Amino acid sequence: MRPEHVAANRLIDIALTGKRKTYRAELDKIRAGSSAVAYDNIVRLAAMQYRMQTQDHRYMSWRAEWMRQNRNDN
């Protein structure tokens, strides 16, 4: 899984909890550790997948893989 996918998955997981301060802190952390292009890609991927997941209940392959890994860890 690409680093952009991992970061986007973390953003989605936080967004699903509804914790805005935590979400903004994660965005700041990503912005500080990434180039502008990478940051834009991460935010775009997270927004697109979040909409697909909450509205259509569809998952991109990288999100489905992340969810499978997290389910097996619990």
C-alpha atoms as a PDB file:
ATOM      1  CA  MET A   1       0.000   0.000   0.000  1.00  0.00           C
ATOM      2  CA  ARG A   2       1.353   3.414  -0.957  1.00  0.00           C
ATOM      3  CA  PRO A   3       2.167   5.972   1.773  1.00  0.00           C
ATOM      4  CA  GLU A   4      -0.547   8.263   0.360  1.00  0.00           C
ATOM      5  CA  HIS A   5      -3.102   5.500   0.849  1.00  0.00           C
ATOM      6  CA  VAL A   6      -2.018   4.892   4.443  1.00  0.00           C
ATOM      7  CA  ALA A   7      -2.289   8.609   5.255  1.00  0.00           C
ATOM      8  CA  ALA A   8      -5.678   8.871   3.529  1.00  0.00           C
ATOM      9  CA  ASN A   9      -6.926   5.836   5.471  1.00  0.00           C
ATOM     10  CA  ARG A  10      -5.870   7.427   8.749  1.00  0.00           C
ATOM     11  CA  LEU A  11      -7.763  10.597   7.793  1.00  0.00           C
ATOM     12  CA  ILE A  12     -10.874   8.607   6.908  1.00  0.00           C
ATOM     13  CA  ASP A  13     -10.744   6.663  10.176  1.00  0.00           C
ATOM     14  CA  ILE A  14     -10.526   9.925  12.124  1.00  0.00           C
ATOM     15  CA  ALA A  15     -13.278  11.545  10.037  1.00  0.00           C
ATOM     16  CA  LEU A  16     -15.610   8.650  10.821  1.00  0.00           C
ATOM     17  CA  THR A  17     -15.164   9.303  14.556  1.00  0.00           C
ATOM     18  CA  GLY A  18     -16.241  12.933  14.149  1.00  0.00           C
ATOM     19  CA  LYS A  19     -13.334  14.351  16.146  1.00  0.00           C
ATOM     20  CA  ARG A  20     -12.546  17.614  14.354  1.00  0.00           C
ATOM     21  CA  LYS A  21      -9.547  18.640  16.455  1.00  0.00           C
ATOM     22  CA  THR A  22      -7.904  15.262  15.943  1.00  0.00           C
ATOM     23  CA  TYR A  23      -8.642  15.464  12.216  1.00  0.00           C
ATOM     24  CA  ARG A  24      -7.103  18.929  11.934  1.00  0.00           C
ATOM     25  CA  ALA A  25      -4.060  17.823  13.930  1.00  0.00           C
ATOM     26  CA  GLU A  26      -3.570  14.890  11.540  1.00  0.00           C
ATOM     27  CA  LEU A  27      -3.909  17.237   8.549  1.00  0.00           C
ATOM     28  CA  ASP A  28      -1.251  19.522  10.034  1.00  0.00           C
ATOM     29  CA  LYS A  29       1.033  16.542  10.628  1.00  0.00           C
ATOM     30  CA  ILE A  30       0.599  15.368   7.025  1.00  0.00           C
ATOM     31  CA  ARG A  31       1.128  18.892   5.671  1.00  0.00           C
ATOM     32  CA  ALA A  32       4.367  19.244   7.654  1.00  0.00           C
ATOM     33  CA  GLY A  33       5.755  15.902   6.483  1.00  0.00           C
ATOM     34  CA  SER A  34       4.710  15.947   2.835  1.00  0.00           C
ATOM     35  CA  SER A  35       5.256  17.954  -0.299  1.00  0.00           C
ATOM     36  CA  ALA A  36       2.401  20.140  -1.515  1.00  0.00           C
ATOM     37  CA  VAL A  37       1.592  17.685  -4.312  1.00  0.00           C
ATOM     38  CA  ALA A  38       1.565  14.681  -1.965  1.00  0.00           C
ATOM     39  CA  TYR A  39      -0.603  16.568   0.546  1.00  0.00           C
ATOM     40  CA  ASP A  40      -3.111  17.478  -2.183  1.00  0.00           C
ATOM     41  CA  ASN A  41      -3.223  13.848  -3.360  1.00  0.00           C
ATOM     42  CA  ILE A  42      -3.768  12.532   0.169  1.00  0.00           C
ATOM     43  CA  VAL A  43      -6.589  14.966   0.885  1.00  0.00           C
ATOM     44  CA  ARG A  44      -8.213  14.320  -2.508  1.00  0.00           C
ATOM     45  CA  LEU A  45      -8.032  10.530  -2.072  1.00  0.00           C
ATOM     46  CA  ALA A  46      -9.439  10.715   1.459  1.00  0.00           C
ATOM     47  CA  ALA A  47     -12.304  13.003   0.426  1.00  0.00           C
ATOM     48  CA  MET A  48     -13.214  10.876  -2.582  1.00  0.00           C
ATOM     49  CA  GLN A  49     -13.164   7.603  -0.618  1.00  0.00           C
ATOM     50  CA  TYR A  50     -15.042   9.106   2.342  1.00  0.00           C
ATOM     51  CA  ARG A  51     -17.870  10.242   0.034  1.00  0.00           C
ATOM     52  CA  MET A  52     -17.980   6.869  -1.717  1.00  0.00           C
ATOM     53  CA  GLN A  53     -17.978   5.014   1.587  1.00  0.00           C
ATOM     54  CA  THR A  54     -20.634   7.089   3.347  1.00  0.00           C
ATOM     55  CA  GLN A  55     -22.956   7.742   0.400  1.00  0.00           C
ATOM     56  CA  ASP A  56     -22.621   4.681  -1.831  1.00  0.00           C
ATOM     57  CA  HIS A  57     -21.057   2.096   0.503  1.00  0.00           C
ATOM     58  CA  ARG A  58     -18.328   1.442  -2.088  1.00  0.00           C
ATOM     59  CA  TYR A  59     -14.655   0.983  -1.324  1.00  0.00           C
ATOM     60  CA  MET A  60     -11.514   1.489  -3.360  1.00  0.00           C
ATOM     61  CA  SER A  61      -9.131  -1.466  -3.275  1.00  0.00           C
ATOM     62  CA  TRP A  62      -6.681   0.306  -0.959  1.00  0.00           C
ATOM     63  CA  ARG A  63      -9.456   1.160   1.525  1.00  0.00           C
ATOM     64  CA  ALA A  64     -10.811  -2.387   1.457  1.00  0.00           C
ATOM     65  CA  GLU A  65      -7.307  -3.745   2.082  1.00  0.00           C
ATOM     66  CA  TRP A  66      -6.859  -1.333   5.027  1.00  0.00           C
ATOM     67  CA  MET A  67     -10.187  -2.427   6.523  1.00  0.00           C
ATOM     68  CA  ARG A  68      -9.302  -6.111   6.143  1.00  0.00           C
ATOM     69  CA  GLN A  69      -5.958  -5.559   7.877  1.00  0.00           C
ATOM     70  CA  ASN A  70      -7.543  -3.636  10.737  1.00  0.00           C
ATOM     71  CA  ARG A  71     -10.270  -6.235  11.195  1.00  0.00           C
ATOM     72  CA  ASN A  72      -7.636  -8.976  11.477  1.00  0.00           C
ATOM     73  CA  ASP A  73      -5.646  -6.932  14.010  1.00  0.00           C
ATOM     74  CA  ASN A  74      -8.581  -6.639  16.440  1.00  0.00           C
END
